[in-house]
């Protein structure tokens, strides 16, 4: 197992309610994914969240508050957390609505710090 797959698997095991976790480029192309809920269209999800990241970065640039670190999308059935790893990569965590949101954010920040070294 490679370092990316191992990191993604650990996140999924530590965060209750994880449906999928992926390392994604800002172009919306998934580098590696770990899916615990079968049938999720990760390529489509990654592509759509890539658009969200680009829009959030554009809005954030107007405020001049520094680089974008996290974005959260929540609905009545799921939550998606996007966490910056580098300028070019981010982690995507898809949680069931009753998943452990706080633990998910914490594990993504830890994993992002570790993966940043691998991607630089």
C-alpha atoms as a PDB file:
ATOM      1  CA  UNK A   1       0.000   0.000   0.000  1.00  0.00           C
ATOM      2  CA  UNK A   2       1.347   3.444  -0.862  1.00  0.00           C
ATOM      3  CA  UNK A   3       1.655   6.343   1.580  1.00  0.00           C
ATOM      4  CA  UNK A   4      -1.423   8.101   0.169  1.00  0.00           C
ATOM      5  CA  UNK A   5      -3.684   5.046   0.394  1.00  0.00           C
ATOM      6  CA  UNK A   6      -2.406   4.266   3.895  1.00  0.00           C
ATOM      7  CA  UNK A   7      -3.070   7.831   5.091  1.00  0.00           C
ATOM      8  CA  UNK A   8      -6.567   7.867   3.605  1.00  0.00           C
ATOM      9  CA  UNK A   9      -7.395   4.473   5.145  1.00  0.00           C
ATOM     10  CA  UNK A  10      -6.264   5.689   8.601  1.00  0.00           C
ATOM     11  CA  UNK A  11      -8.500   8.749   8.337  1.00  0.00           C
ATOM     12  CA  UNK A  12     -11.474   6.556   7.402  1.00  0.00           C
ATOM     13  CA  UNK A  13     -10.798   4.202  10.318  1.00  0.00           C
ATOM     14  CA  UNK A  14     -10.494   7.038  12.852  1.00  0.00           C
ATOM     15  CA  UNK A  15     -13.496   9.127  11.803  1.00  0.00           C
ATOM     16  CA  UNK A  16     -16.896   7.639  12.517  1.00  0.00           C
ATOM     17  CA  UNK A  17     -19.323   8.044   9.634  1.00  0.00           C
ATOM     18  CA  UNK A  18     -16.697   8.298   6.874  1.00  0.00           C
ATOM     19  CA  UNK A  19     -18.141   7.376   3.500  1.00  0.00           C
ATOM     20  CA  UNK A  20     -15.060   8.318   1.467  1.00  0.00           C
ATOM     21  CA  UNK A  21     -11.797  10.217   1.700  1.00  0.00           C
ATOM     22  CA  UNK A  22      -9.671  11.325  -1.219  1.00  0.00           C
ATOM     23  CA  UNK A  23      -6.525  13.247  -2.099  1.00  0.00           C
ATOM     24  CA  UNK A  24      -7.533  15.575  -4.928  1.00  0.00           C
ATOM     25  CA  UNK A  25      -5.730  18.041  -7.166  1.00  0.00           C
ATOM     26  CA  UNK A  26      -7.170  21.545  -7.514  1.00  0.00           C
ATOM     27  CA  UNK A  27      -8.067  20.529 -11.065  1.00  0.00           C
ATOM     28  CA  UNK A  28     -10.617  18.140  -9.529  1.00  0.00           C
ATOM     29  CA  UNK A  29      -8.767  14.947 -10.432  1.00  0.00           C
ATOM     30  CA  UNK A  30      -8.502  12.442  -7.550  1.00  0.00           C
ATOM     31  CA  UNK A  31      -4.944  11.229  -6.934  1.00  0.00           C
ATOM     32  CA  UNK A  32      -6.014   8.437  -4.594  1.00  0.00           C
ATOM     33  CA  UNK A  33      -9.226   7.535  -2.763  1.00  0.00           C
ATOM     34  CA  UNK A  34     -10.466   5.291   0.015  1.00  0.00           C
ATOM     35  CA  UNK A  35     -14.180   4.541  -0.265  1.00  0.00           C
ATOM     36  CA  UNK A  36     -16.030   2.789   2.559  1.00  0.00           C
ATOM     37  CA  UNK A  37     -19.508   3.218   1.024  1.00  0.00           C
ATOM     38  CA  UNK A  38     -19.760   1.389  -2.287  1.00  0.00           C
ATOM     39  CA  UNK A  39     -21.113   3.113  -5.360  1.00  0.00           C
ATOM     40  CA  UNK A  40     -19.895   6.634  -4.660  1.00  0.00           C
ATOM     41  CA  UNK A  41     -18.903   8.467  -7.848  1.00  0.00           C
ATOM     42  CA  UNK A  42     -15.597   9.823  -6.505  1.00  0.00           C
ATOM     43  CA  UNK A  43     -14.416  11.190  -9.844  1.00  0.00           C
ATOM     44  CA  UNK A  44     -17.578  13.278 -10.192  1.00  0.00           C
ATOM     45  CA  UNK A  45     -17.536  14.364  -6.560  1.00  0.00           C
ATOM     46  CA  UNK A  46     -13.866  15.378  -6.806  1.00  0.00           C
ATOM     47  CA  UNK A  47     -14.500  17.330 -10.008  1.00  0.00           C
ATOM     48  CA  UNK A  48     -17.439  19.227  -8.513  1.00  0.00           C
ATOM     49  CA  UNK A  49     -15.605  20.035  -5.288  1.00  0.00           C
ATOM     50  CA  UNK A  50     -12.677  21.251  -7.391  1.00  0.00           C
ATOM     51  CA  UNK A  51     -15.031  23.942  -8.666  1.00  0.00           C
ATOM     52  CA  UNK A  52     -15.982  24.802  -5.082  1.00  0.00           C
ATOM     53  CA  UNK A  53     -12.316  25.136  -4.104  1.00  0.00           C
ATOM     54  CA  UNK A  54     -11.626  27.454  -7.048  1.00  0.00           C
ATOM     55  CA  UNK A  55     -14.628  29.644  -6.199  1.00  0.00           C
ATOM     56  CA  UNK A  56     -13.717  29.732  -2.497  1.00  0.00           C
ATOM     57  CA  UNK A  57     -10.129  30.678  -3.343  1.00  0.00           C
ATOM     58  CA  UNK A  58     -11.338  33.523  -5.546  1.00  0.00           C
ATOM     59  CA  UNK A  59     -13.616  34.839  -2.798  1.00  0.00           C
ATOM     60  CA  UNK A  60     -10.906  34.407  -0.170  1.00  0.00           C
ATOM     61  CA  UNK A  61      -8.406  36.351  -2.284  1.00  0.00           C
ATOM     62  CA  UNK A  62     -10.663  39.384  -2.085  1.00  0.00           C
ATOM     63  CA  UNK A  63     -10.501  39.378   1.734  1.00  0.00           C
ATOM     64  CA  UNK A  64      -6.699  39.036   1.861  1.00  0.00           C
ATOM     65  CA  UNK A  65      -6.874  36.809   4.965  1.00  0.00           C
ATOM     66  CA  UNK A  66      -4.211  34.342   3.847  1.00  0.00           C
ATOM     67  CA  UNK A  67      -4.462  30.976   2.120  1.00  0.00           C
ATOM     68  CA  UNK A  68      -7.689  28.987   2.238  1.00  0.00           C
ATOM     69  CA  UNK A  69      -7.384  26.146   4.781  1.00  0.00           C
ATOM     70  CA  UNK A  70     -10.799  24.426   4.927  1.00  0.00           C
ATOM     71  CA  UNK A  71     -14.187  24.495   3.246  1.00  0.00           C
ATOM     72  CA  UNK A  72     -17.270  22.640   4.478  1.00  0.00           C
ATOM     73  CA  UNK A  73     -20.400  21.753   2.542  1.00  0.00           C
ATOM     74  CA  UNK A  74     -23.281  20.369   4.591  1.00  0.00           C
ATOM     75  CA  UNK A  75     -26.670  19.023   3.578  1.00  0.00           C
ATOM     76  CA  UNK A  76     -29.409  17.147   5.379  1.00  0.00           C
ATOM     77  CA  UNK A  77     -27.774  13.787   4.509  1.00  0.00           C
ATOM     78  CA  UNK A  78     -24.006  14.353   4.388  1.00  0.00           C
ATOM     79  CA  UNK A  79     -21.144  16.728   5.010  1.00  0.00           C
ATOM     80  CA  UNK A  80     -18.079  17.266   2.853  1.00  0.00           C
ATOM     81  CA  UNK A  81     -14.925  18.750   4.353  1.00  0.00           C
ATOM     82  CA  UNK A  82     -12.153  20.009   2.079  1.00  0.00           C
ATOM     83  CA  UNK A  83      -8.764  20.597   3.694  1.00  0.00           C
ATOM     84  CA  UNK A  84      -5.763  22.208   1.975  1.00  0.00           C
ATOM     85  CA  UNK A  85      -2.583  20.107   1.791  1.00  0.00           C
ATOM     86  CA  UNK A  86      -0.566  22.313  -0.604  1.00  0.00           C
ATOM     87  CA  UNK A  87      -1.460  24.979  -3.167  1.00  0.00           C
ATOM     88  CA  UNK A  88      -2.154  22.175  -5.638  1.00  0.00           C
ATOM     89  CA  UNK A  89      -3.753  19.447  -3.484  1.00  0.00           C
ATOM     90  CA  UNK A  90      -6.469  19.054  -0.892  1.00  0.00           C
ATOM     91  CA  UNK A  91      -8.121  16.285   1.093  1.00  0.00           C
ATOM     92  CA  UNK A  92     -11.815  15.584   0.621  1.00  0.00           C
ATOM     93  CA  UNK A  93     -13.730  13.833   3.408  1.00  0.00           C
ATOM     94  CA  UNK A  94     -17.322  12.768   2.794  1.00  0.00           C
ATOM     95  CA  UNK A  95     -19.195  12.070   6.038  1.00  0.00           C
ATOM     96  CA  UNK A  96     -22.623  10.702   6.773  1.00  0.00           C
ATOM     97  CA  UNK A  97     -24.735  13.418   8.411  1.00  0.00           C
ATOM     98  CA  UNK A  98     -24.310  11.779  11.828  1.00  0.00           C
ATOM     99  CA  UNK A  99     -20.548  11.338  11.314  1.00  0.00           C
ATOM    100  CA  UNK A 100     -17.994  12.810  13.700  1.00  0.00           C
ATOM    101  CA  UNK A 101     -17.444  16.201  12.088  1.00  0.00           C
ATOM    102  CA  UNK A 102     -14.963  17.564  14.656  1.00  0.00           C
ATOM    103  CA  UNK A 103     -12.826  14.433  14.563  1.00  0.00           C
ATOM    104  CA  UNK A 104     -12.912  14.588  10.766  1.00  0.00           C
ATOM    105  CA  UNK A 105     -11.535  18.135  10.722  1.00  0.00           C
ATOM    106  CA  UNK A 106      -8.837  17.171  13.229  1.00  0.00           C
ATOM    107  CA  UNK A 107      -7.727  14.074  11.304  1.00  0.00           C
ATOM    108  CA  UNK A 108      -7.664  15.991   8.017  1.00  0.00           C
ATOM    109  CA  UNK A 109      -5.400  18.685   9.487  1.00  0.00           C
ATOM    110  CA  UNK A 110      -3.017  16.019  10.846  1.00  0.00           C
ATOM    111  CA  UNK A 111      -2.962  14.127   7.561  1.00  0.00           C
ATOM    112  CA  UNK A 112      -2.506  17.329   5.542  1.00  0.00           C
ATOM    113  CA  UNK A 113       0.624  18.194   7.538  1.00  0.00           C
ATOM    114  CA  UNK A 114       2.076  14.712   6.929  1.00  0.00           C
ATOM    115  CA  UNK A 115       1.147  14.602   3.242  1.00  0.00           C
ATOM    116  CA  UNK A 116       2.502  18.072   2.570  1.00  0.00           C
ATOM    117  CA  UNK A 117       6.020  16.691   3.098  1.00  0.00           C
ATOM    118  CA  UNK A 118       5.340  13.882   0.611  1.00  0.00           C
ATOM    119  CA  UNK A 119       4.024  16.266  -2.033  1.00  0.00           C
ATOM    120  CA  UNK A 120       6.726  18.960  -1.818  1.00  0.00           C
END
